[in-house]
Each structure stands twice: as C-alpha cells, then as structure tokens.
C-alpha cells in the first residue's frame, strides 16, 4: 500500500512540473489540496437507514485539462464514510443468539478508505473570476480501516470494534457533482461545490447487502 501511494504521489508531482514547463492558458495538469466534511448514510437490504453521520476527506486533487472546457479529474484522498442503520439478524452479533425470533440491531459503520476518483469535469467559460463546473465519474475506494458500534434492545454489544473481517476491501461508487472555481491569480484558484458519492457495491461480506453513500461539501485549492 505504501509503495502504491508513493508511486501515485510521484506521478502527480512529475506531471505538475511538466505542466508548469509547458503551460498554456487552459491546458496541462493542475495539482491541488482538499480537506472537507461529508455526510454519510447507510442503505441496508434487510433493514433501514438511521440518518446521516459526519465524516471527513483530505488529500490531493488533480485536473488534466485536455481542452478549454474539459478536464479529466482525479485525486488521492483519505476518506472516512460513517453511517447508521437498523438491521435484522445482523452478523456477527446474531450468531450467538439461539432464538428464531427476528432481532433488530442498531449499527454504526465507520469506514475509512484511500479514494481515487476517476471523473470528467465540464467547465463553463470565465464569468469574471469564476468558472462553474459539473462533474461525473467513478469512485474507487480501498479500505484501510473499519470500525463498528452495535446495540440491541438497549444493550451495547460493540464499541468501536474492528469490523475488517466482515466488511469488503474494495468499494465503488458513482460520483455526481458540481461547483465553482474562484481565480485568485493566474495560477491559484479556490474550488468549492457539492458531490454525491453513491456507493453501488456491497460493503458487507455477509448475506445482507449493505451500501454506504455520502454527500460532500467540497473545498480545495489548486496551485
């Protein structure tokens, strides 16, 4: 994992240096930093969502500007997706229950990923110092941490327990978003916007299908 992250970082900085040496008004590679909150929620096939939970994302973002108004946008971020659900006969907790009567469990998923988005960004022309954009693509997430809280019938069953054994290593999601870039000077701009990351792969290794999603308030700076 460390070698992979180091290689990606090296590629980002190499492309950024190349872009600076071959600068054009709208072309080349732009590197930036991001740190922003997100609001996660769970959808369970055999259960229901219990509202949203606050998470966070931080890391690198990059735009490959291949035309005046079009970019291939990617990044490398550490993203925490939290969410609450109520599930029936949730494993592994229900494995120790001998009753055949359905039992509901209140769970909180606390998942942490290395996220690599692969998206297309469509930009407007300049309106003063502002450019608006829309964004669409795929989220690729590799699990680096998984914790869980569990409670049933008022009794706490787990508190921040390691849930790596019953959650999956890879998560994919559909990214839809939009926002604006505010130019500060010729090379620096501030980016803000909203993104929906709709997970479409099962994050659970059990029989119940669990998907996590989030809405992010994007904040970043391009250099």
C-alpha atoms as a PDB file:
ATOM      1  CA  UNK A   1       0.000   0.000   0.000  1.00  0.00           C
ATOM      2  CA  UNK A   2       2.796   2.462   0.942  1.00  0.00           C
ATOM      3  CA  UNK A   3       4.631   1.757  -2.333  1.00  0.00           C
ATOM      4  CA  UNK A   4       1.434   2.342  -4.333  1.00  0.00           C
ATOM      5  CA  UNK A   5       0.675   5.648  -2.610  1.00  0.00           C
ATOM      6  CA  UNK A   6       4.301   6.796  -3.063  1.00  0.00           C
ATOM      7  CA  UNK A   7       4.182   5.940  -6.781  1.00  0.00           C
ATOM      8  CA  UNK A   8       0.937   7.879  -7.299  1.00  0.00           C
ATOM      9  CA  UNK A   9       2.296  10.905  -5.439  1.00  0.00           C
ATOM     10  CA  UNK A  10       5.475  10.814  -7.553  1.00  0.00           C
ATOM     11  CA  UNK A  11       3.363  10.676 -10.740  1.00  0.00           C
ATOM     12  CA  UNK A  12       1.254  13.668  -9.613  1.00  0.00           C
ATOM     13  CA  UNK A  13       4.280  15.847  -8.882  1.00  0.00           C
ATOM     14  CA  UNK A  14       6.063  14.816 -12.110  1.00  0.00           C
ATOM     15  CA  UNK A  15       3.013  15.749 -14.188  1.00  0.00           C
ATOM     16  CA  UNK A  16       2.675  19.028 -12.320  1.00  0.00           C
ATOM     17  CA  UNK A  17       6.286  20.008 -13.090  1.00  0.00           C
ATOM     18  CA  UNK A  18       5.789  19.051 -16.741  1.00  0.00           C
ATOM     19  CA  UNK A  19       2.616  21.135 -16.945  1.00  0.00           C
ATOM     20  CA  UNK A  20       4.372  24.185 -15.500  1.00  0.00           C
ATOM     21  CA  UNK A  21       7.128  23.904 -18.087  1.00  0.00           C
ATOM     22  CA  UNK A  22       4.589  23.539 -20.913  1.00  0.00           C
ATOM     23  CA  UNK A  23       1.930  25.927 -19.625  1.00  0.00           C
ATOM     24  CA  UNK A  24      -0.935  27.074 -21.826  1.00  0.00           C
ATOM     25  CA  UNK A  25      -3.980  29.137 -20.862  1.00  0.00           C
ATOM     26  CA  UNK A  26      -6.259  26.128 -20.343  1.00  0.00           C
ATOM     27  CA  UNK A  27      -4.154  23.012 -20.838  1.00  0.00           C
ATOM     28  CA  UNK A  28      -1.772  20.919 -18.759  1.00  0.00           C
ATOM     29  CA  UNK A  29      -2.013  19.446 -15.277  1.00  0.00           C
ATOM     30  CA  UNK A  30      -3.121  21.255 -12.119  1.00  0.00           C
ATOM     31  CA  UNK A  31      -2.407  19.930  -8.648  1.00  0.00           C
ATOM     32  CA  UNK A  32      -4.291  20.934  -5.529  1.00  0.00           C
ATOM     33  CA  UNK A  33      -5.113  20.148  -1.909  1.00  0.00           C
ATOM     34  CA  UNK A  34      -8.501  19.387  -0.386  1.00  0.00           C
ATOM     35  CA  UNK A  35      -9.935  18.990   3.113  1.00  0.00           C
ATOM     36  CA  UNK A  36     -13.685  18.855   3.541  1.00  0.00           C
ATOM     37  CA  UNK A  37     -16.553  17.276   5.513  1.00  0.00           C
ATOM     38  CA  UNK A  38     -19.035  14.738   4.224  1.00  0.00           C
ATOM     39  CA  UNK A  39     -22.384  13.423   5.412  1.00  0.00           C
ATOM     40  CA  UNK A  40     -22.671   9.645   5.169  1.00  0.00           C
ATOM     41  CA  UNK A  41     -25.632   7.298   5.321  1.00  0.00           C
ATOM     42  CA  UNK A  42     -26.317   3.561   5.004  1.00  0.00           C
ATOM     43  CA  UNK A  43     -28.786   1.614   2.882  1.00  0.00           C
ATOM     44  CA  UNK A  44     -29.400  -1.945   4.101  1.00  0.00           C
ATOM     45  CA  UNK A  45     -31.320  -4.556   2.118  1.00  0.00           C
ATOM     46  CA  UNK A  46     -32.660  -6.149   5.312  1.00  0.00           C
ATOM     47  CA  UNK A  47     -33.060  -3.004   7.383  1.00  0.00           C
ATOM     48  CA  UNK A  48     -33.267   0.778   7.232  1.00  0.00           C
ATOM     49  CA  UNK A  49     -31.095   3.882   7.461  1.00  0.00           C
ATOM     50  CA  UNK A  50     -30.856   5.734  10.772  1.00  0.00           C
ATOM     51  CA  UNK A  51     -29.930   9.190   9.483  1.00  0.00           C
ATOM     52  CA  UNK A  52     -26.637  10.777   8.481  1.00  0.00           C
ATOM     53  CA  UNK A  53     -23.241  10.805  10.196  1.00  0.00           C
ATOM     54  CA  UNK A  54     -20.375  13.245   9.798  1.00  0.00           C
ATOM     55  CA  UNK A  55     -17.197  12.106   8.044  1.00  0.00           C
ATOM     56  CA  UNK A  56     -14.136  13.776   6.540  1.00  0.00           C
ATOM     57  CA  UNK A  57     -11.879  13.674   3.495  1.00  0.00           C
ATOM     58  CA  UNK A  58      -8.424  15.130   2.853  1.00  0.00           C
ATOM     59  CA  UNK A  59      -5.609  14.737   0.344  1.00  0.00           C
ATOM     60  CA  UNK A  60      -4.561  15.627  -3.204  1.00  0.00           C
ATOM     61  CA  UNK A  61      -6.710  16.562  -6.201  1.00  0.00           C
ATOM     62  CA  UNK A  62      -5.623  16.925  -9.806  1.00  0.00           C
ATOM     63  CA  UNK A  63      -7.095  18.110 -13.120  1.00  0.00           C
ATOM     64  CA  UNK A  64      -5.754  17.066 -16.524  1.00  0.00           C
ATOM     65  CA  UNK A  65      -7.058  19.883 -18.746  1.00  0.00           C
ATOM     66  CA  UNK A  66      -7.247  18.325 -22.224  1.00  0.00           C
ATOM     67  CA  UNK A  67      -9.421  21.081 -23.749  1.00  0.00           C
ATOM     68  CA  UNK A  68     -10.534  24.595 -22.865  1.00  0.00           C
ATOM     69  CA  UNK A  69     -13.678  23.485 -21.035  1.00  0.00           C
ATOM     70  CA  UNK A  70     -12.986  19.795 -20.314  1.00  0.00           C
ATOM     71  CA  UNK A  71     -10.833  18.072 -17.707  1.00  0.00           C
ATOM     72  CA  UNK A  72     -10.081  14.583 -16.504  1.00  0.00           C
ATOM     73  CA  UNK A  73     -10.238  14.989 -12.732  1.00  0.00           C
ATOM     74  CA  UNK A  74      -8.737  12.580 -10.197  1.00  0.00           C
ATOM     75  CA  UNK A  75      -7.127  12.621  -6.777  1.00  0.00           C
ATOM     76  CA  UNK A  76      -5.781  10.668  -3.837  1.00  0.00           C
ATOM     77  CA  UNK A  77      -7.651  11.228  -0.593  1.00  0.00           C
ATOM     78  CA  UNK A  78      -8.188   9.592   2.777  1.00  0.00           C
ATOM     79  CA  UNK A  79     -11.975   9.434   3.118  1.00  0.00           C
ATOM     80  CA  UNK A  80     -13.998   8.437   6.169  1.00  0.00           C
ATOM     81  CA  UNK A  81     -17.603   7.366   5.495  1.00  0.00           C
ATOM     82  CA  UNK A  82     -19.775   6.933   8.585  1.00  0.00           C
ATOM     83  CA  UNK A  83     -23.394   5.830   8.699  1.00  0.00           C
ATOM     84  CA  UNK A  84     -26.066   4.345  10.967  1.00  0.00           C
ATOM     85  CA  UNK A  85     -28.587   1.584  10.276  1.00  0.00           C
ATOM     86  CA  UNK A  86     -31.071  -0.752  11.926  1.00  0.00           C
ATOM     87  CA  UNK A  87     -30.711  -4.315  10.603  1.00  0.00           C
ATOM     88  CA  UNK A  88     -32.485  -7.599  11.267  1.00  0.00           C
ATOM     89  CA  UNK A  89     -30.392 -10.554  12.472  1.00  0.00           C
ATOM     90  CA  UNK A  90     -27.139  -8.714  11.747  1.00  0.00           C
ATOM     91  CA  UNK A  91     -23.976 -10.792  11.743  1.00  0.00           C
ATOM     92  CA  UNK A  92     -21.716 -11.466  13.522  1.00  0.00           C
ATOM     93  CA  UNK A  93     -23.792 -10.383  16.548  1.00  0.00           C
ATOM     94  CA  UNK A  94     -26.816 -12.550  15.785  1.00  0.00           C
ATOM     95  CA  UNK A  95     -24.688 -15.704  15.502  1.00  0.00           C
ATOM     96  CA  UNK A  96     -24.697 -16.057  19.296  1.00  0.00           C
ATOM     97  CA  UNK A  97     -28.495 -15.709  19.620  1.00  0.00           C
ATOM     98  CA  UNK A  98     -30.361 -19.037  19.818  1.00  0.00           C
ATOM     99  CA  UNK A  99     -33.874 -17.609  19.332  1.00  0.00           C
ATOM    100  CA  UNK A 100     -35.570 -17.950  15.941  1.00  0.00           C
ATOM    101  CA  UNK A 101     -37.436 -14.670  16.538  1.00  0.00           C
ATOM    102  CA  UNK A 102     -36.056 -11.827  14.366  1.00  0.00           C
ATOM    103  CA  UNK A 103     -33.840  -9.436  16.335  1.00  0.00           C
ATOM    104  CA  UNK A 104     -33.084  -5.834  15.310  1.00  0.00           C
ATOM    105  CA  UNK A 105     -29.634  -4.299  15.791  1.00  0.00           C
ATOM    106  CA  UNK A 106     -28.662  -0.640  15.734  1.00  0.00           C
ATOM    107  CA  UNK A 107     -25.302  -0.377  13.997  1.00  0.00           C
ATOM    108  CA  UNK A 108     -22.873   2.403  13.188  1.00  0.00           C
ATOM    109  CA  UNK A 109     -20.392   1.806  10.370  1.00  0.00           C
ATOM    110  CA  UNK A 110     -17.125   3.775  10.499  1.00  0.00           C
ATOM    111  CA  UNK A 111     -15.267   3.048   7.262  1.00  0.00           C
ATOM    112  CA  UNK A 112     -12.004   4.634   6.101  1.00  0.00           C
ATOM    113  CA  UNK A 113     -10.722   4.384   2.524  1.00  0.00           C
ATOM    114  CA  UNK A 114      -7.989   5.527   0.190  1.00  0.00           C
ATOM    115  CA  UNK A 115     -10.185   7.073  -2.506  1.00  0.00           C
ATOM    116  CA  UNK A 116      -9.130   7.513  -6.145  1.00  0.00           C
ATOM    117  CA  UNK A 117     -11.892   9.222  -8.183  1.00  0.00           C
ATOM    118  CA  UNK A 118     -11.890   8.987 -11.978  1.00  0.00           C
ATOM    119  CA  UNK A 119     -14.185  11.704 -13.334  1.00  0.00           C
ATOM    120  CA  UNK A 120     -14.829  14.060 -16.225  1.00  0.00           C
ATOM    121  CA  UNK A 121     -15.256  17.731 -15.343  1.00  0.00           C
ATOM    122  CA  UNK A 122     -17.108  20.068 -17.718  1.00  0.00           C
ATOM    123  CA  UNK A 123     -16.383  23.774 -17.184  1.00  0.00           C
ATOM    124  CA  UNK A 124     -18.006  26.971 -18.358  1.00  0.00           C
ATOM    125  CA  UNK A 125     -16.100  29.976 -19.621  1.00  0.00           C
ATOM    126  CA  UNK A 126     -14.982  32.687 -17.227  1.00  0.00           C
ATOM    127  CA  UNK A 127     -17.629  34.871 -15.612  1.00  0.00           C
ATOM    128  CA  UNK A 128     -15.317  37.461 -14.123  1.00  0.00           C
ATOM    129  CA  UNK A 129     -13.087  35.394 -11.840  1.00  0.00           C
ATOM    130  CA  UNK A 130     -15.493  32.432 -11.616  1.00  0.00           C
ATOM    131  CA  UNK A 131     -15.808  29.243 -13.666  1.00  0.00           C
ATOM    132  CA  UNK A 132     -18.704  26.863 -12.985  1.00  0.00           C
ATOM    133  CA  UNK A 133     -18.357  23.114 -13.500  1.00  0.00           C
ATOM    134  CA  UNK A 134     -20.231  19.819 -13.445  1.00  0.00           C
ATOM    135  CA  UNK A 135     -18.580  16.504 -12.653  1.00  0.00           C
ATOM    136  CA  UNK A 136     -19.400  12.835 -13.319  1.00  0.00           C
ATOM    137  CA  UNK A 137     -17.480   9.600 -12.888  1.00  0.00           C
ATOM    138  CA  UNK A 138     -16.427   6.632 -10.780  1.00  0.00           C
ATOM    139  CA  UNK A 139     -15.117   6.427  -7.222  1.00  0.00           C
ATOM    140  CA  UNK A 140     -12.561   3.692  -6.453  1.00  0.00           C
ATOM    141  CA  UNK A 141     -12.076   3.112  -2.726  1.00  0.00           C
ATOM    142  CA  UNK A 142      -9.623   0.780  -0.988  1.00  0.00           C
ATOM    143  CA  UNK A 143     -10.388   0.017   2.650  1.00  0.00           C
ATOM    144  CA  UNK A 144      -7.712   0.953   5.195  1.00  0.00           C
ATOM    145  CA  UNK A 145      -9.845   0.884   8.335  1.00  0.00           C
ATOM    146  CA  UNK A 146     -13.208  -0.386   9.569  1.00  0.00           C
ATOM    147  CA  UNK A 147     -14.844   0.096  12.980  1.00  0.00           C
ATOM    148  CA  UNK A 148     -18.361  -0.562  14.212  1.00  0.00           C
ATOM    149  CA  UNK A 149     -20.686   0.129  17.134  1.00  0.00           C
ATOM    150  CA  UNK A 150     -23.607  -2.217  17.844  1.00  0.00           C
ATOM    151  CA  UNK A 151     -26.594  -2.148  20.188  1.00  0.00           C
ATOM    152  CA  UNK A 152     -29.721  -4.282  20.570  1.00  0.00           C
ATOM    153  CA  UNK A 153     -32.658  -3.920  22.968  1.00  0.00           C
ATOM    154  CA  UNK A 154     -30.813  -1.223  24.902  1.00  0.00           C
ATOM    155  CA  UNK A 155     -27.721  -3.405  25.395  1.00  0.00           C
ATOM    156  CA  UNK A 156     -24.365  -2.375  23.923  1.00  0.00           C
ATOM    157  CA  UNK A 157     -22.788  -5.254  22.022  1.00  0.00           C
ATOM    158  CA  UNK A 158     -19.772  -3.500  20.457  1.00  0.00           C
ATOM    159  CA  UNK A 159     -17.999  -0.172  20.867  1.00  0.00           C
ATOM    160  CA  UNK A 160     -15.531   0.791  18.134  1.00  0.00           C
ATOM    161  CA  UNK A 161     -14.819  -2.875  17.400  1.00  0.00           C
ATOM    162  CA  UNK A 162     -12.630  -3.774  14.407  1.00  0.00           C
ATOM    163  CA  UNK A 163     -15.037  -4.867  11.659  1.00  0.00           C
ATOM    164  CA  UNK A 164     -12.489  -5.626   8.919  1.00  0.00           C
ATOM    165  CA  UNK A 165     -13.392  -9.340   8.927  1.00  0.00           C
ATOM    166  CA  UNK A 166     -16.979  -8.708   7.806  1.00  0.00           C
ATOM    167  CA  UNK A 167     -16.515  -5.692   5.508  1.00  0.00           C
ATOM    168  CA  UNK A 168     -15.112  -5.731   1.986  1.00  0.00           C
ATOM    169  CA  UNK A 169     -11.711  -4.464   0.796  1.00  0.00           C
ATOM    170  CA  UNK A 170     -12.973  -2.576  -2.285  1.00  0.00           C
ATOM    171  CA  UNK A 171     -15.834  -0.121  -2.695  1.00  0.00           C
ATOM    172  CA  UNK A 172     -17.046   1.520  -5.920  1.00  0.00           C
ATOM    173  CA  UNK A 173     -19.355   4.493  -6.217  1.00  0.00           C
ATOM    174  CA  UNK A 174     -20.953   6.806  -8.757  1.00  0.00           C
ATOM    175  CA  UNK A 175     -19.864  10.461  -8.460  1.00  0.00           C
ATOM    176  CA  UNK A 176     -22.178  13.300  -9.486  1.00  0.00           C
ATOM    177  CA  UNK A 177     -21.361  16.873  -8.511  1.00  0.00           C
ATOM    178  CA  UNK A 178     -20.870  20.495  -9.381  1.00  0.00           C
ATOM    179  CA  UNK A 179     -19.409  23.719  -8.121  1.00  0.00           C
ATOM    180  CA  UNK A 180     -17.251  26.694  -8.939  1.00  0.00           C
ATOM    181  CA  UNK A 181     -13.615  27.769  -9.117  1.00  0.00           C
ATOM    182  CA  UNK A 182     -12.670  31.262  -7.954  1.00  0.00           C
ATOM    183  CA  UNK A 183      -9.469  32.554  -9.535  1.00  0.00           C
ATOM    184  CA  UNK A 184      -7.107  34.234  -7.061  1.00  0.00           C
ATOM    185  CA  UNK A 185      -4.290  34.938  -9.505  1.00  0.00           C
ATOM    186  CA  UNK A 186      -3.021  33.441 -12.738  1.00  0.00           C
ATOM    187  CA  UNK A 187      -2.115  30.060 -11.210  1.00  0.00           C
ATOM    188  CA  UNK A 188      -4.098  29.762  -7.985  1.00  0.00           C
ATOM    189  CA  UNK A 189      -7.821  29.156  -7.577  1.00  0.00           C
ATOM    190  CA  UNK A 190     -10.197  28.090  -4.822  1.00  0.00           C
ATOM    191  CA  UNK A 191     -12.684  25.310  -5.597  1.00  0.00           C
ATOM    192  CA  UNK A 192     -15.969  24.671  -3.808  1.00  0.00           C
ATOM    193  CA  UNK A 193     -19.043  22.588  -4.561  1.00  0.00           C
ATOM    194  CA  UNK A 194     -21.243  19.614  -3.673  1.00  0.00           C
ATOM    195  CA  UNK A 195     -20.742  15.959  -4.587  1.00  0.00           C
ATOM    196  CA  UNK A 196     -22.972  12.899  -4.241  1.00  0.00           C
ATOM    197  CA  UNK A 197     -20.962   9.686  -3.950  1.00  0.00           C
ATOM    198  CA  UNK A 198     -23.485   6.861  -4.422  1.00  0.00           C
ATOM    199  CA  UNK A 199     -21.937   3.524  -3.477  1.00  0.00           C
ATOM    200  CA  UNK A 200     -23.129   0.627  -5.645  1.00  0.00           C
ATOM    201  CA  UNK A 201     -21.026  -2.266  -4.284  1.00  0.00           C
ATOM    202  CA  UNK A 202     -21.816  -4.280  -1.177  1.00  0.00           C
ATOM    203  CA  UNK A 203     -19.509  -3.324   1.717  1.00  0.00           C
ATOM    204  CA  UNK A 204     -20.519  -6.385   3.780  1.00  0.00           C
ATOM    205  CA  UNK A 205     -19.215  -9.930   3.428  1.00  0.00           C
ATOM    206  CA  UNK A 206     -22.433 -11.306   4.966  1.00  0.00           C
ATOM    207  CA  UNK A 207     -25.742 -12.234   3.366  1.00  0.00           C
ATOM    208  CA  UNK A 208     -27.312  -8.811   3.935  1.00  0.00           C
ATOM    209  CA  UNK A 209     -26.400  -6.272   1.238  1.00  0.00           C
ATOM    210  CA  UNK A 210     -25.100  -3.014   2.740  1.00  0.00           C
ATOM    211  CA  UNK A 211     -24.176   0.084   0.738  1.00  0.00           C
ATOM    212  CA  UNK A 212     -22.753   3.335   2.065  1.00  0.00           C
ATOM    213  CA  UNK A 213     -23.167   6.742   0.441  1.00  0.00           C
ATOM    214  CA  UNK A 214     -22.215  10.317   1.197  1.00  0.00           C
ATOM    215  CA  UNK A 215     -22.769  13.929   0.208  1.00  0.00           C
ATOM    216  CA  UNK A 216     -19.592  16.033   0.412  1.00  0.00           C
ATOM    217  CA  UNK A 217     -19.143  19.767   0.803  1.00  0.00           C
ATOM    218  CA  UNK A 218     -16.074  20.108  -1.405  1.00  0.00           C
ATOM    219  CA  UNK A 219     -13.331  22.604  -0.593  1.00  0.00           C
ATOM    220  CA  UNK A 220      -9.948  22.778  -2.281  1.00  0.00           C
ATOM    221  CA  UNK A 221      -7.122  24.922  -3.582  1.00  0.00           C
ATOM    222  CA  UNK A 222      -5.428  24.489  -6.985  1.00  0.00           C
ATOM    223  CA  UNK A 223      -1.903  25.790  -7.482  1.00  0.00           C
END
